[in-house]
Every structure is written in structure tokens, then in C-alpha cells.
């Protein structure tokens, strides 16, 4: 079971020996410390909690004195794995060509209309009397002014947890704790990412 926490650095491109260009996302992944282990016998399920990015002693609150990390996340693991509290989780377990699943908070885009948020077509084919109606999403309810729950309408877009599956590891740099994944991952630069093998 491979898992690690990381921060998105940004996107770049790498070139193969034949000159083929591949877009990749650079992630500063780990090292993470194993802070807690949960077992089926004690907690009802097996999981490992890891901490990422140590914080200075001045900023540690009394309640979090035992776990001086900025980020703590829990990953489900198979029961019987040989791990103990204090172990270091690094990107050394990942290899080029591995498929991974990456989860993070997507970019927030604020209040958006139906055309941008849901891909509505708008009233573009109309001719007469469609002034200011080109990006309108039309009727929203039935008679009696009732609007069904879950109706796609304008509203806040983004800033939600998104998971991207089947991303391929393009490069692994254990010395600098850098992981290069083919394609894009959710979030701005500096977004916390959960990477699962």
C-alpha cells in the first residue's frame, strides 16, 4: 500500500530522448511521519495517520503538542502490515510508470452562471427578442413556482474535494522529495494533495 502527502508546486514539461514532450505536475511529496496506527481489534478498521510539514515549536498549541505537524491525514491500510508509529513515509516506494490516485481541493472560481458551471448552451440560436439572454439558462421551475431539489443553477463553483484517478508517475526524485505526475492535479500552487498508489 503506497500513500503520501504532498504540496503542488506547479506544472512543467519533460522531454523524452526522441524529443516527445509530456506535460507534468511537480509535487513536493513527503517525507511524512507515521503518527498513529488504528487496528481492527481496537478501532474497528485499519488505517495509518501520517503528518506532513513540521511546524516550529513556537507555533505548537498545547492540544497538539504530541503531533507537531501542519497537516494530518488518515489512509486506510490492509490489516497485518508491518508498520509502527514514528516510521518515515517517503516517495522511495513510488516508481516510474506507477498509477496513482490524487485527491485535493480544486481552485475556487466564485459565483458563476449556468453556462460556465454546468456547460449549458444558452439561447444563442434565437433571433428576435434575445437581448441579454444569450447566457441565460431559461426556465427553472414548473407551475406553482416550485423548483426541484438538485436543479442545476448558477452558484459558487470550485473549492471542492476532487479526486483524479490513473495518473502515471513520470519521474521520482527521492533526494529532493519531488514527484512528477503526467497531466494535471486539482488545486492552486501550494495545495495539499493526498497521493495513493
Protein backbone atom coordinates (compact mmCIF):
# COMPACT_ATOMS: atom_id res chain seq x y z
CA UNK A 1 0.00 0.00 0.00
CA UNK A 2 1.57 3.28 -1.15
CA UNK A 3 0.40 6.62 0.22
CA UNK A 4 1.94 10.03 0.92
CA UNK A 5 1.05 13.69 1.36
CA UNK A 6 2.47 16.45 -0.80
CA UNK A 7 2.14 20.05 -1.96
CA UNK A 8 1.54 21.12 -5.55
CA UNK A 9 4.47 23.13 -6.93
CA UNK A 10 3.14 23.74 -10.44
CA UNK A 11 3.16 22.40 -13.99
CA UNK A 12 6.06 21.98 -16.37
CA UNK A 13 7.08 19.66 -19.19
CA UNK A 14 9.68 16.94 -19.65
CA UNK A 15 11.21 15.73 -22.91
CA UNK A 16 11.87 12.13 -23.93
CA UNK A 17 15.12 11.20 -25.77
CA UNK A 18 13.15 11.18 -29.05
CA UNK A 19 12.01 14.79 -28.41
CA UNK A 20 8.44 13.94 -27.36
CA UNK A 21 7.07 16.46 -24.86
CA UNK A 22 4.99 15.39 -21.83
CA UNK A 23 3.14 17.85 -19.54
CA UNK A 24 3.70 17.02 -15.87
CA UNK A 25 2.76 18.37 -12.45
CA UNK A 26 5.55 18.70 -9.90
CA UNK A 27 4.68 17.75 -6.33
CA UNK A 28 6.83 18.16 -3.23
CA UNK A 29 5.89 14.87 -1.55
CA UNK A 30 6.98 13.99 1.98
CA UNK A 31 8.81 12.99 3.96
CA UNK A 32 5.88 12.19 6.23
CA UNK A 33 5.95 10.67 9.72
CA UNK A 34 3.58 7.93 10.85
CA UNK A 35 1.81 9.47 13.84
CA UNK A 36 -0.89 6.90 14.65
CA UNK A 37 -1.96 3.37 13.72
CA UNK A 38 -5.56 2.18 14.03
CA UNK A 39 -6.36 -1.54 14.16
CA UNK A 40 -9.45 -3.66 13.51
CA UNK A 41 -9.32 -5.00 17.05
CA UNK A 42 -9.20 -1.62 18.79
CA UNK A 43 -10.87 0.82 16.37
CA UNK A 44 -12.95 -1.39 14.07
CA UNK A 45 -10.87 -0.66 10.95
CA UNK A 46 -7.21 -0.50 9.89
CA UNK A 47 -5.65 2.85 8.99
CA UNK A 48 -2.45 4.85 9.25
CA UNK A 49 -2.33 8.55 10.14
CA UNK A 50 0.61 10.49 8.74
CA UNK A 51 1.83 14.01 9.43
CA UNK A 52 3.36 16.36 6.86
CA UNK A 53 5.27 19.63 7.21
CA UNK A 54 6.59 20.12 10.73
CA UNK A 55 5.73 23.38 12.45
CA UNK A 56 8.05 25.34 14.72
CA UNK A 57 7.90 24.84 18.49
CA UNK A 58 6.73 28.43 18.99
CA UNK A 59 3.56 27.80 16.99
CA UNK A 60 2.65 24.46 18.61
CA UNK A 61 -0.51 24.64 20.72
CA UNK A 62 -0.81 22.65 23.93
CA UNK A 63 -3.52 20.44 22.43
CA UNK A 64 -1.31 19.38 19.50
CA UNK A 65 1.98 19.04 21.39
CA UNK A 66 2.25 15.33 20.60
CA UNK A 67 1.77 15.86 16.84
CA UNK A 68 3.70 18.94 15.70
CA UNK A 69 2.60 18.77 12.05
CA UNK A 70 0.70 21.26 9.94
CA UNK A 71 -1.24 18.54 8.10
CA UNK A 72 -2.55 15.21 9.41
CA UNK A 73 -4.36 12.75 7.15
CA UNK A 74 -5.56 9.18 7.55
CA UNK A 75 -5.22 6.42 4.94
CA UNK A 76 -6.95 3.03 5.05
CA UNK A 77 -4.48 0.15 5.02
CA UNK A 78 -4.64 -3.62 4.95
CA UNK A 79 -4.55 -5.27 8.35
CA UNK A 80 -1.29 -7.02 9.17
CA UNK A 81 1.07 -4.51 7.52
CA UNK A 82 4.33 -4.17 9.42
CA UNK A 83 4.35 -0.50 10.40
CA UNK A 84 4.95 1.30 13.65
CA UNK A 85 4.49 4.83 14.96
CA UNK A 86 7.43 7.05 14.08
CA UNK A 87 8.21 5.37 10.73
CA UNK A 88 9.04 7.74 7.87
CA UNK A 89 6.94 7.55 4.70
CA UNK A 90 8.86 8.77 1.63
CA UNK A 91 8.49 8.70 -2.15
CA UNK A 92 11.07 5.91 -2.38
CA UNK A 93 8.15 3.43 -2.61
CA UNK A 94 6.92 5.03 -5.85
CA UNK A 95 8.43 4.07 -9.21
CA UNK A 96 8.19 5.49 -12.73
CA UNK A 97 5.16 4.07 -14.51
CA UNK A 98 3.08 3.55 -11.33
CA UNK A 99 -0.58 4.57 -11.48
CA UNK A 100 -1.73 6.79 -8.62
CA UNK A 101 -4.89 8.47 -7.36
CA UNK A 102 -4.58 12.13 -6.29
CA UNK A 103 -7.13 13.99 -4.14
CA UNK A 104 -7.16 17.70 -3.29
CA UNK A 105 -9.28 20.85 -3.09
CA UNK A 106 -9.94 22.33 -6.54
CA UNK A 107 -9.48 26.01 -7.42
CA UNK A 108 -12.33 28.23 -6.25
CA UNK A 109 -13.90 30.18 -9.12
CA UNK A 110 -16.50 32.17 -7.18
CA UNK A 111 -20.11 32.72 -8.31
CA UNK A 112 -20.60 31.50 -11.89
CA UNK A 113 -23.54 31.26 -14.27
CA UNK A 114 -25.05 28.10 -15.70
CA UNK A 115 -23.05 28.24 -18.95
CA UNK A 116 -19.65 28.10 -17.22
CA UNK A 117 -20.65 25.99 -14.21
CA UNK A 118 -22.71 23.29 -15.96
CA UNK A 119 -21.90 23.75 -19.66
CA UNK A 120 -25.36 25.00 -20.66
CA UNK A 121 -25.67 26.12 -24.29
CA UNK A 122 -27.65 29.31 -23.61
CA UNK A 123 -30.14 30.88 -26.03
CA UNK A 124 -27.71 31.51 -28.87
CA UNK A 125 -29.83 30.25 -31.78
CA UNK A 126 -32.72 32.68 -31.13
CA UNK A 127 -33.04 35.79 -33.29
CA UNK A 128 -35.63 38.35 -32.20
CA UNK A 129 -36.00 39.49 -28.61
CA UNK A 130 -32.95 37.76 -27.12
CA UNK A 131 -31.08 40.81 -25.89
CA UNK A 132 -29.17 40.00 -22.65
CA UNK A 133 -30.44 36.41 -22.84
CA UNK A 134 -27.51 34.71 -24.61
CA UNK A 135 -26.09 33.13 -21.44
CA UNK A 136 -29.37 32.68 -19.60
CA UNK A 137 -30.30 29.11 -18.63
CA UNK A 138 -34.03 29.52 -19.23
CA UNK A 139 -36.94 28.12 -17.20
CA UNK A 140 -36.10 26.73 -13.75
CA UNK A 141 -39.41 25.51 -12.35
CA UNK A 142 -42.90 24.23 -13.00
CA UNK A 143 -46.28 25.83 -12.37
CA UNK A 144 -46.68 26.93 -8.77
CA UNK A 145 -43.15 28.34 -8.65
CA UNK A 146 -41.70 25.11 -7.25
CA UNK A 147 -38.06 24.37 -8.05
CA UNK A 148 -36.96 20.76 -7.75
CA UNK A 149 -34.15 19.95 -5.35
CA UNK A 150 -30.82 19.48 -7.14
CA UNK A 151 -31.73 21.70 -10.10
CA UNK A 152 -28.60 22.90 -11.90
CA UNK A 153 -28.44 26.64 -11.48
CA UNK A 154 -25.91 29.45 -11.11
CA UNK A 155 -23.84 29.41 -7.92
CA UNK A 156 -20.42 29.04 -6.37
CA UNK A 157 -18.06 26.91 -8.42
CA UNK A 158 -14.95 25.01 -7.39
CA UNK A 159 -13.29 24.82 -3.94
CA UNK A 160 -14.45 21.20 -3.60
CA UNK A 161 -12.63 17.94 -2.98
CA UNK A 162 -11.70 16.38 -6.32
CA UNK A 163 -10.06 13.01 -6.96
CA UNK A 164 -8.16 12.32 -10.19
CA UNK A 165 -7.53 8.62 -10.90
CA UNK A 166 -4.97 6.75 -13.02
CA UNK A 167 -2.28 9.43 -13.15
CA UNK A 168 1.08 7.99 -14.20
CA UNK A 169 4.28 8.73 -12.30
CA UNK A 170 6.68 10.24 -14.85
CA UNK A 171 9.72 10.90 -12.61
CA UNK A 172 10.74 10.28 -9.00
CA UNK A 173 13.48 12.36 -7.31
CA UNK A 174 13.95 10.96 -3.76
CA UNK A 175 16.86 13.33 -2.96
CA UNK A 176 14.70 16.46 -3.43
CA UNK A 177 11.36 14.78 -2.46
CA UNK A 178 9.92 15.58 -5.89
CA UNK A 179 7.29 13.58 -7.74
CA UNK A 180 6.33 14.35 -11.36
CA UNK A 181 2.91 13.12 -12.48
CA UNK A 182 1.67 13.11 -16.09
CA UNK A 183 -1.20 15.56 -16.51
CA UNK A 184 -2.94 17.95 -14.12
CA UNK A 185 -3.94 17.62 -10.47
CA UNK A 186 -6.55 19.68 -8.57
CA UNK A 187 -5.81 22.93 -6.75
CA UNK A 188 -3.64 26.04 -6.77
CA UNK A 189 0.10 26.09 -6.15
CA UNK A 190 0.67 25.03 -2.55
CA UNK A 191 -2.49 22.89 -2.33
CA UNK A 192 -2.22 19.84 -0.05
CA UNK A 193 -2.56 16.61 -2.06
CA UNK A 194 -3.25 13.05 -0.93
CA UNK A 195 -1.46 10.55 -3.19
CA UNK A 196 -2.42 6.88 -3.12
CA UNK A 197 -0.71 4.10 -5.05
